[in-house]
Amino acid sequence: MFLNMGPSHPAMHGIVRIILELDGETVVNSEVEIGYLHRCFEKHSESGTYTQAIPYTDRLNYVSPLINNVGYALAVEKLLGIEVPERCKYIRVIMSEISRVTDHLTCIGASAMELGAFTVFLYMIKARELLYELIESVTGARLTISYTRIGGVKADLPDGFAERTKQAFAKTREILDEVDKLLTRNRIFMDRMKGVGIISKEDAISYGFTGPLLRAVGVEYDVRRANPYLVYDRLDFKIPLGTNGDNYDRYLVRMAEMEQSLRIVEQALEQMPEGPINVDHTGKVLLQPAEMVDRAKLGKTKDLLITEIELSPNLQGSDEKTHRVINVNEKRVVLPPKEETYGNIEGLMNHFMLIMEGWGIRPPKGEVYFPVEGANGELGFYVISDGTDRPYRVRVRPPCFQLTAALPKMINGGMVADIIPTFGSINMIGGELDR
């Protein structure tokens, strides 16, 4: 019998169709169709400026958007030949790893729910909520965060972030311990996961697997270790490995990776260089941005460059003292601090040149590829510049695509019911799968 599974099937996320050839409950053959969500990310990225592509990257893997932001920014920075400040590197690592944990929490929670373990889903979403609150305190948003900038990040970490992170991590570890007790040695869960969805090491390499699924077959490949970027070479973390390449090993690898990501964040917070002072020791009165603009319009620019301004949270990071430690000092790329924009004509001209159409960020002609370790594997951005303010070509190497391509290999010969945990273990994210 031929049977369509999806796109309306709840486990297919509304965007994947599997055409099944069945003999009773056994899958004889299958074909995966992925074309229900063509978002045109790559063409959209070529129609705007380099900066305008950043919000589009949020919508790739929308469960861990910060990693997408960082990967794209690093690719363009490589094209420009610039290196961000030390504090910015640590901030990017911290936010990426928190994002990786939220991704794994969602994957395990949703997969467990599809097998009937609804309690695990509620626990995992509770832990994810704790981390979303951390992300929101830094970026101002939970999911579509658009946090990085080419040459830096939008804002510094807020006051008290380290302490809030410590508290959130303590609660997250408690929840992960609860889930471990509920699932890891649960006889029903093990029967549904062990020996199901197996793929060999040779096949995984042949299909181009990366991330947790490749490590579940025993291949120790992690972009953070194989091709270190930012400050990952200064941090101590292990690469969890499986042996059988089945759904159960993928679950164990993701559970272990979450603990490693929490360790990375804790180390980064300890090692990160200090940012600007929070108290103005000279006793100058803080100005509101609107008052600063009014003064500048009247030509009263004396001392504006050394005047503190009180910014709303969505503009934090734009004041001069913070700006210098989270953005590269490069006028071709980064908007000047607000004090300079409103305080002198050079700063105003610099701002306008970066914003005006036809000017903006203009990398030299060339092409680069930059890979980062996404939650599902190697996430690579290939960018071609023709010397204008818009990328000539943006190509994404999404980790999900190779994993979904191998889905028939993993489900053929198994039972219909086993498709659900196997598909869930891939953690397919439609935004990056079908660009």
Protein backbone atom coordinates (compact mmCIF):
# COMPACT_ATOMS: atom_id res chain seq x y z
CA MET A 1 0.00 0.00 0.00
CA PHE A 2 1.18 3.53 -0.73
CA LEU A 3 0.52 6.08 2.01
CA ASN A 4 1.19 9.83 2.35
CA MET A 5 2.52 10.74 5.80
CA GLY A 6 2.36 14.52 6.11
CA PRO A 7 2.39 17.37 5.52
CA SER A 8 -0.73 17.52 7.71
CA HIS A 9 0.54 14.85 10.11
CA PRO A 10 1.40 16.60 13.41
CA ALA A 11 4.87 14.99 13.57
CA MET A 12 5.73 16.29 10.07
CA HIS A 13 5.56 19.94 11.18
CA GLY A 14 3.25 20.77 8.28
CA ILE A 15 6.12 21.08 5.81
CA VAL A 16 7.41 17.57 5.08
CA ARG A 17 5.70 14.77 3.16
CA ILE A 18 6.91 11.18 3.27
CA ILE A 19 5.58 8.89 0.53
CA LEU A 20 5.55 5.42 2.08
CA GLU A 21 5.37 2.02 0.42
CA LEU A 22 4.06 -0.34 3.08
CA ASP A 23 3.68 -4.05 3.57
CA GLY A 24 1.30 -4.11 6.48
CA GLU A 25 3.02 -2.03 9.19
CA THR A 26 6.50 -2.46 7.67
CA VAL A 27 8.07 0.33 5.60
CA VAL A 28 9.30 -1.25 2.36
CA ASN A 29 10.39 1.98 0.70
CA SER A 30 10.03 5.73 1.28
CA GLU A 31 10.64 9.07 -0.35
CA VAL A 32 10.90 12.41 1.46
CA GLU A 33 9.57 15.59 -0.13
CA ILE A 34 10.69 18.83 1.53
CA GLY A 35 9.35 21.59 -0.72
CA TYR A 36 6.38 22.90 1.26
CA LEU A 37 8.17 25.83 2.88
CA HIS A 38 10.40 27.56 0.37
CA ARG A 39 11.31 30.76 2.19
CA CYS A 40 13.71 32.18 -0.43
CA PHE A 41 16.18 33.17 2.31
CA GLU A 42 19.16 33.17 -0.03
CA LYS A 43 17.52 35.38 -2.68
CA HIS A 44 16.12 37.73 -0.04
CA SER A 45 19.63 38.15 1.37
CA GLU A 46 20.85 39.29 -2.04
CA SER A 47 18.12 41.93 -2.40
CA GLY A 48 19.10 43.95 0.69
CA THR A 49 22.28 45.22 2.31
CA TYR A 50 24.67 43.06 4.30
CA THR A 51 23.08 44.24 7.55
CA GLN A 52 19.52 43.69 6.33
CA ALA A 53 20.19 39.97 5.93
CA ILE A 54 20.65 39.53 9.69
CA PRO A 55 16.89 39.34 10.54
CA TYR A 56 16.50 36.70 7.81
CA THR A 57 19.09 34.52 9.56
CA ASP A 58 16.85 34.45 12.65
CA ARG A 59 14.34 32.52 10.58
CA LEU A 60 16.71 29.73 9.53
CA ASN A 61 16.90 27.58 12.63
CA TYR A 62 14.38 29.62 14.60
CA VAL A 63 14.91 27.46 17.70
CA SER A 64 18.55 28.63 18.03
CA PRO A 65 18.65 31.87 16.00
CA LEU A 66 21.66 33.34 17.80
CA ILE A 67 23.98 30.77 16.24
CA ASN A 68 22.69 31.75 12.79
CA ASN A 69 23.32 35.43 13.56
CA VAL A 70 26.87 34.72 14.68
CA GLY A 71 27.70 32.47 11.71
CA TYR A 72 26.56 35.03 9.15
CA ALA A 73 28.36 37.91 10.89
CA LEU A 74 31.60 35.89 11.06
CA ALA A 75 31.41 35.14 7.33
CA VAL A 76 31.03 38.82 6.38
CA GLU A 77 33.75 39.81 8.86
CA LYS A 78 36.09 37.29 7.25
CA LEU A 79 35.30 38.88 3.89
CA LEU A 80 36.15 42.31 5.33
CA GLY A 81 39.25 41.05 7.15
CA ILE A 82 38.21 42.42 10.56
CA GLU A 83 38.27 40.92 14.05
CA VAL A 84 35.83 41.86 16.79
CA PRO A 85 36.91 42.88 20.34
CA GLU A 86 37.60 40.24 22.96
CA ARG A 87 34.50 40.97 25.02
CA CYS A 88 32.34 40.66 21.93
CA LYS A 89 33.81 37.22 21.18
CA TYR A 90 32.88 35.98 24.63
CA ILE A 91 29.36 37.47 24.40
CA ARG A 92 28.81 35.69 21.08
CA VAL A 93 29.96 32.37 22.57
CA ILE A 94 27.75 32.78 25.65
CA MET A 95 24.64 33.59 23.63
CA SER A 96 25.33 30.83 21.09
CA GLU A 97 25.67 28.17 23.77
CA ILE A 98 22.52 29.25 25.62
CA SER A 99 20.78 29.06 22.25
CA ARG A 100 22.16 25.55 21.64
CA VAL A 101 20.68 24.36 24.93
CA THR A 102 17.25 25.79 24.07
CA ASP A 103 17.40 23.89 20.77
CA HIS A 104 18.25 20.55 22.40
CA LEU A 105 15.58 21.07 25.07
CA THR A 106 12.97 21.59 22.34
CA CYS A 107 14.15 18.59 20.35
CA ILE A 108 14.11 16.11 23.24
CA GLY A 109 10.93 17.53 24.76
CA ALA A 110 8.95 17.41 21.51
CA SER A 111 10.27 13.96 20.55
CA ALA A 112 9.38 12.56 23.96
CA MET A 113 5.89 14.08 23.75
CA GLU A 114 5.32 12.41 20.37
CA LEU A 115 6.05 9.08 22.09
CA GLY A 116 3.59 9.85 24.87
CA ALA A 117 5.93 11.33 27.51
CA PHE A 118 4.01 14.59 27.87
CA THR A 119 5.47 15.34 31.31
CA VAL A 120 8.97 15.48 29.82
CA PHE A 121 7.78 18.04 27.26
CA LEU A 122 6.40 20.28 30.02
CA TYR A 123 9.62 20.00 32.03
CA MET A 124 11.82 20.79 29.03
CA ILE A 125 9.71 23.80 28.02
CA LYS A 126 9.94 25.04 31.60
CA ALA A 127 13.75 24.88 31.37
CA ARG A 128 13.65 26.53 27.94
CA GLU A 129 11.57 29.36 29.38
CA LEU A 130 14.28 30.08 31.95
CA LEU A 131 16.85 30.42 29.16
CA TYR A 132 14.51 32.44 26.94
CA GLU A 133 14.22 34.96 29.78
CA LEU A 134 18.03 35.24 29.82
CA ILE A 135 18.09 35.73 26.05
CA GLU A 136 15.34 38.34 26.26
CA SER A 137 17.22 40.30 28.92
CA VAL A 138 20.16 40.64 26.52
CA THR A 139 18.56 40.96 23.09
CA GLY A 140 15.11 42.38 23.86
CA ALA A 141 13.39 39.44 22.14
CA ARG A 142 12.92 35.72 22.67
CA LEU A 143 13.07 34.18 19.21
CA THR A 144 13.55 36.65 16.35
CA ILE A 145 16.42 38.42 18.06
CA SER A 146 18.60 39.95 15.28
CA TYR A 147 21.27 40.46 17.95
CA THR A 148 24.61 40.43 16.18
CA ARG A 149 25.96 43.18 13.99
CA ILE A 150 28.73 42.95 11.41
CA GLY A 151 31.70 43.94 13.52
CA GLY A 152 30.05 43.37 16.89
CA VAL A 153 26.77 42.88 18.72
CA LYS A 154 23.76 45.11 19.35
CA ALA A 155 24.27 45.52 23.09
CA ASP A 156 26.41 44.47 26.01
CA LEU A 157 25.27 41.99 28.66
CA PRO A 158 22.99 43.74 31.19
CA ASP A 159 23.89 44.28 34.83
CA GLY A 160 23.44 41.16 36.95
CA PHE A 161 23.44 38.84 33.95
CA ALA A 162 26.05 36.47 35.41
CA GLU A 163 24.06 35.99 38.61
CA ARG A 164 20.78 35.43 36.75
CA THR A 165 22.54 32.93 34.50
CA LYS A 166 23.86 31.04 37.52
CA GLN A 167 20.35 30.77 38.98
CA ALA A 168 18.79 29.73 35.65
CA PHE A 169 21.47 27.08 35.08
CA ALA A 170 20.95 25.61 38.56
CA LYS A 171 17.22 25.17 37.84
CA THR A 172 17.94 23.86 34.32
CA ARG A 173 20.29 21.20 35.71
CA GLU A 174 17.59 20.12 38.19
CA ILE A 175 15.11 19.72 35.35
CA LEU A 176 17.60 17.79 33.21
CA ASP A 177 18.23 15.48 36.15
CA GLU A 178 14.46 14.91 36.48
CA VAL A 179 14.18 14.13 32.76
CA ASP A 180 17.13 11.75 32.98
CA LYS A 181 15.31 9.84 35.74
CA LEU A 182 12.06 9.84 33.75
CA LEU A 183 13.46 8.76 30.39
CA THR A 184 16.99 7.38 30.23
CA ARG A 185 16.27 4.02 31.87
CA ASN A 186 12.54 4.00 31.15
CA ARG A 187 11.72 0.59 29.65
CA ILE A 188 9.04 1.91 27.26
CA PHE A 189 11.25 4.76 26.05
CA MET A 190 14.25 2.45 25.57
CA ASP A 191 12.16 -0.07 23.61
CA ARG A 192 10.96 2.69 21.28
CA MET A 193 14.43 4.20 20.79
CA LYS A 194 17.09 1.49 21.07
CA GLY A 195 17.99 -0.19 17.81
CA VAL A 196 15.61 2.11 15.89
CA GLY A 197 16.65 4.51 13.12
CA ILE A 198 20.15 3.07 12.91
CA ILE A 199 22.59 4.46 10.37
CA SER A 200 26.15 3.19 9.94
CA LYS A 201 29.25 5.33 10.35
CA GLU A 202 30.08 4.93 6.65
CA ASP A 203 26.59 5.98 5.53
CA ALA A 204 26.53 8.94 7.91
CA ILE A 205 29.82 10.24 6.51
CA SER A 206 28.69 9.54 2.95
CA TYR A 207 25.48 11.57 3.39
CA GLY A 208 27.44 14.48 4.90
CA PHE A 209 26.12 14.17 8.46
CA THR A 210 27.43 16.59 11.08
CA GLY A 211 26.41 17.48 14.61
CA PRO A 212 24.76 15.17 17.18
CA LEU A 213 23.73 12.59 14.56
CA LEU A 214 27.31 12.17 13.33
CA ARG A 215 28.67 12.05 16.86
CA ALA A 216 26.01 9.43 17.73
CA VAL A 217 27.71 7.00 15.31
CA GLY A 218 31.06 7.60 17.02
CA VAL A 219 32.70 10.21 14.76
CA GLU A 220 34.35 12.91 16.86
CA TYR A 221 33.70 15.93 14.63
CA ASP A 222 32.69 19.28 16.08
CA VAL A 223 33.41 22.54 14.25
CA ARG A 224 34.21 24.23 17.57
CA ARG A 225 37.08 21.79 18.06
CA ALA A 226 38.05 20.95 14.45
CA ASN A 227 38.06 24.56 13.23
CA PRO A 228 37.97 26.78 16.35
CA TYR A 229 36.44 30.23 16.03
CA LEU A 230 35.83 33.06 18.51
CA VAL A 231 37.28 31.79 21.84
CA TYR A 232 36.34 28.09 21.75
CA ASP A 233 40.02 27.10 21.74
CA ARG A 234 40.36 28.67 25.21
CA LEU A 235 37.45 26.76 26.73
CA ASP A 236 37.42 23.25 28.16
CA PHE A 237 34.58 21.04 26.94
CA LYS A 238 34.07 17.43 25.92
CA ILE A 239 32.56 16.09 22.71
CA PRO A 240 29.95 13.44 23.68
CA LEU A 241 29.95 10.37 21.42
CA GLY A 242 27.63 7.43 20.80
CA THR A 243 28.39 3.98 19.43
CA ASN A 244 25.30 2.52 17.75
CA GLY A 245 24.00 5.43 15.70
CA ASP A 246 20.39 4.79 16.77
CA ASN A 247 17.74 7.11 18.18
CA TYR A 248 18.71 6.30 21.76
CA ASP A 249 22.33 7.33 21.19
CA ARG A 250 21.18 10.60 19.62
CA TYR A 251 19.12 11.29 22.74
CA LEU A 252 22.10 10.56 25.02
CA VAL A 253 24.44 12.75 22.93
CA ARG A 254 22.07 15.72 23.09
CA MET A 255 21.56 15.32 26.84
CA ALA A 256 25.34 15.28 27.37
CA GLU A 257 25.88 18.23 25.01
CA MET A 258 23.55 20.43 27.07
CA GLU A 259 25.75 19.99 30.14
CA GLN A 260 28.85 20.81 28.06
CA SER A 261 27.19 23.98 26.74
CA LEU A 262 26.32 25.07 30.28
CA ARG A 263 29.97 24.51 31.25
CA ILE A 264 31.15 26.59 28.27
CA VAL A 265 28.92 29.53 29.29
CA GLU A 266 30.15 29.39 32.89
CA GLN A 267 33.79 29.40 31.77
CA ALA A 268 33.17 32.24 29.30
CA LEU A 269 31.53 34.39 31.99
CA GLU A 270 34.57 33.86 34.23
CA GLN A 271 37.15 34.57 31.52
CA MET A 272 35.39 37.47 29.80
CA PRO A 273 37.25 40.80 30.09
CA GLU A 274 35.48 43.54 31.99
CA GLY A 275 33.29 45.97 30.14
CA PRO A 276 32.86 49.71 30.74
CA ILE A 277 32.31 51.10 34.22
CA ASN A 278 28.68 51.51 35.19
CA VAL A 279 29.10 54.59 37.39
CA ASP A 280 30.21 57.98 36.10
CA HIS A 281 32.81 59.03 38.70
CA THR A 282 32.94 62.63 37.45
CA GLY A 283 29.38 63.25 38.54
CA LYS A 284 28.14 64.52 35.16
CA VAL A 285 24.40 64.61 34.70
CA LEU A 286 22.95 62.06 32.30
CA LEU A 287 21.27 63.56 29.23
CA GLN A 288 18.24 62.18 27.47
CA PRO A 289 18.96 61.40 23.77
CA ALA A 290 16.27 63.87 22.63
CA GLU A 291 17.89 66.69 24.62
CA MET A 292 21.26 65.84 23.11
CA VAL A 293 19.77 66.04 19.60
CA ASP A 294 18.16 69.42 20.39
CA ARG A 295 21.49 70.79 21.59
CA ALA A 296 23.25 69.53 18.48
CA LYS A 297 20.64 71.18 16.23
CA LEU A 298 21.34 74.51 17.91
CA GLY A 299 25.08 74.06 17.42
CA LYS A 300 25.72 73.62 21.16
CA THR A 301 28.06 70.68 20.63
CA LYS A 302 30.70 71.60 23.20
CA ASP A 303 31.38 68.65 25.54
CA LEU A 304 28.71 66.47 23.88
CA LEU A 305 31.31 63.82 23.02
CA ILE A 306 32.17 63.36 26.71
CA THR A 307 28.60 63.62 27.95
CA GLU A 308 26.78 60.56 29.23
CA ILE A 309 23.39 59.82 27.67
CA GLU A 310 20.64 57.73 29.19
CA LEU A 311 19.51 55.22 26.61
CA SER A 312 16.42 53.05 26.57
CA PRO A 313 17.15 49.28 26.78
CA ASN A 314 16.69 48.80 23.03
CA LEU A 315 19.60 51.19 22.39
CA GLN A 316 21.94 49.93 25.10
CA GLY A 317 25.36 49.38 23.56
CA SER A 318 25.16 52.51 21.43
CA ASP A 319 26.74 54.74 24.09
CA GLU A 320 30.42 55.38 23.52
CA LYS A 321 31.96 53.67 26.55
CA THR A 322 30.06 50.42 25.88
CA HIS A 323 30.30 50.69 22.09
CA ARG A 324 34.10 50.37 22.08
CA VAL A 325 34.22 47.02 23.87
CA ILE A 326 31.50 45.23 21.88
CA ASN A 327 32.11 46.58 18.37
CA VAL A 328 35.19 46.68 16.21
CA ASN A 329 36.67 50.17 15.75
CA GLU A 330 36.06 50.24 12.01
CA LYS A 331 34.20 53.15 10.39
CA ARG A 332 33.56 51.16 7.19
CA VAL A 333 31.39 48.71 9.09
CA VAL A 334 30.02 49.92 12.44
CA LEU A 335 27.67 52.81 13.11
CA PRO A 336 29.33 55.41 15.38
CA PRO A 337 28.23 55.83 19.00
CA LYS A 338 25.25 58.14 19.55
CA GLU A 339 27.52 60.77 21.12
CA GLU A 340 29.45 61.04 17.87
CA THR A 341 26.37 60.90 15.62
CA TYR A 342 24.72 63.79 17.48
CA GLY A 343 27.87 65.55 18.64
CA ASN A 344 29.96 66.23 15.53
CA ILE A 345 29.55 66.42 11.77
CA GLU A 346 32.05 63.60 11.11
CA GLY A 347 30.03 61.17 13.22
CA LEU A 348 26.80 62.25 11.52
CA MET A 349 28.33 61.79 8.06
CA ASN A 350 29.73 58.38 9.05
CA HIS A 351 26.24 57.33 10.21
CA PHE A 352 24.57 58.53 7.00
CA MET A 353 27.17 56.88 4.76
CA LEU A 354 26.54 53.48 6.38
CA ILE A 355 22.75 53.86 6.16
CA MET A 356 22.30 55.40 2.70
CA GLU A 357 21.46 53.09 -0.18
CA GLY A 358 24.42 52.51 -2.45
CA TRP A 359 26.94 53.18 0.34
CA GLY A 360 26.69 51.06 3.47
CA ILE A 361 29.07 48.19 4.21
CA ARG A 362 31.08 47.46 1.06
CA PRO A 363 33.42 44.47 1.39
CA PRO A 364 36.09 44.05 -1.29
CA LYS A 365 35.39 41.70 -4.19
CA GLY A 366 35.85 38.09 -3.14
CA GLU A 367 34.17 35.04 -1.67
CA VAL A 368 34.36 33.27 1.68
CA TYR A 369 32.94 30.26 3.47
CA PHE A 370 32.65 30.25 7.25
CA PRO A 371 31.34 27.26 9.24
CA VAL A 372 30.07 27.30 12.82
CA GLU A 373 28.71 24.49 14.97
CA GLY A 374 24.93 24.81 14.87
CA ALA A 375 22.64 22.88 17.17
CA ASN A 376 22.09 20.26 14.43
CA GLY A 377 25.59 20.27 12.94
CA GLU A 378 27.81 22.34 10.68
CA LEU A 379 26.11 25.57 9.68
CA GLY A 380 28.09 27.30 6.95
CA PHE A 381 27.64 30.62 5.17
CA TYR A 382 29.16 31.12 1.72
CA VAL A 383 29.15 34.80 0.75
CA ILE A 384 30.29 36.36 -2.54
CA SER A 385 30.96 40.10 -2.76
CA ASP A 386 31.06 42.10 -5.99
CA GLY A 387 32.27 45.23 -4.18
CA THR A 388 28.80 46.81 -3.77
CA ASP A 389 26.77 47.31 -0.60
CA ARG A 390 24.69 44.18 -1.32
CA PRO A 391 25.93 40.59 -1.30
CA TYR A 392 26.14 39.15 -4.81
CA ARG A 393 25.43 35.64 -3.47
CA VAL A 394 24.57 34.17 -0.08
CA ARG A 395 24.50 30.39 0.22
CA VAL A 396 23.76 28.42 3.36
CA ARG A 397 25.02 24.96 4.22
CA PRO A 398 22.19 23.85 6.54
CA PRO A 399 22.83 20.82 8.79
CA CYS A 400 19.20 19.63 8.50
CA PHE A 401 19.29 19.07 4.74
CA GLN A 402 21.76 16.18 4.78
CA LEU A 403 20.05 14.58 7.77
CA THR A 404 16.61 14.67 6.17
CA ALA A 405 18.03 13.33 2.89
CA ALA A 406 19.08 10.19 4.78
CA LEU A 407 15.71 9.70 6.51
CA PRO A 408 14.61 6.93 4.06
CA LYS A 409 17.84 5.07 4.87
CA MET A 410 16.92 5.17 8.56
CA ILE A 411 13.22 4.22 8.31
CA ASN A 412 13.18 1.65 5.47
CA GLY A 413 12.69 -1.84 6.90
CA GLY A 414 11.27 -0.50 10.15
CA MET A 415 7.72 -0.03 11.40
CA VAL A 416 5.41 2.89 10.63
CA ALA A 417 5.34 3.83 14.33
CA ASP A 418 9.16 4.06 14.35
CA ILE A 419 9.10 6.90 11.81
CA ILE A 420 7.99 9.33 14.53
CA PRO A 421 10.96 8.94 16.94
CA THR A 422 13.44 8.71 14.04
CA PHE A 423 12.16 11.87 12.39
CA GLY A 424 12.11 13.57 15.79
CA SER A 425 15.73 12.59 16.47
CA ILE A 426 16.81 14.43 13.30
CA ASN A 427 15.38 17.62 14.80
CA MET A 428 14.44 18.90 11.36
CA ILE A 429 13.88 22.67 11.32
CA GLY A 430 11.91 23.74 8.26
CA GLY A 431 13.41 27.21 8.00
CA GLU A 432 16.93 26.00 7.34
CA LEU A 433 15.91 22.80 5.54
CA ASP A 434 14.00 24.47 2.72
CA ARG A 435 15.52 27.88 2.15
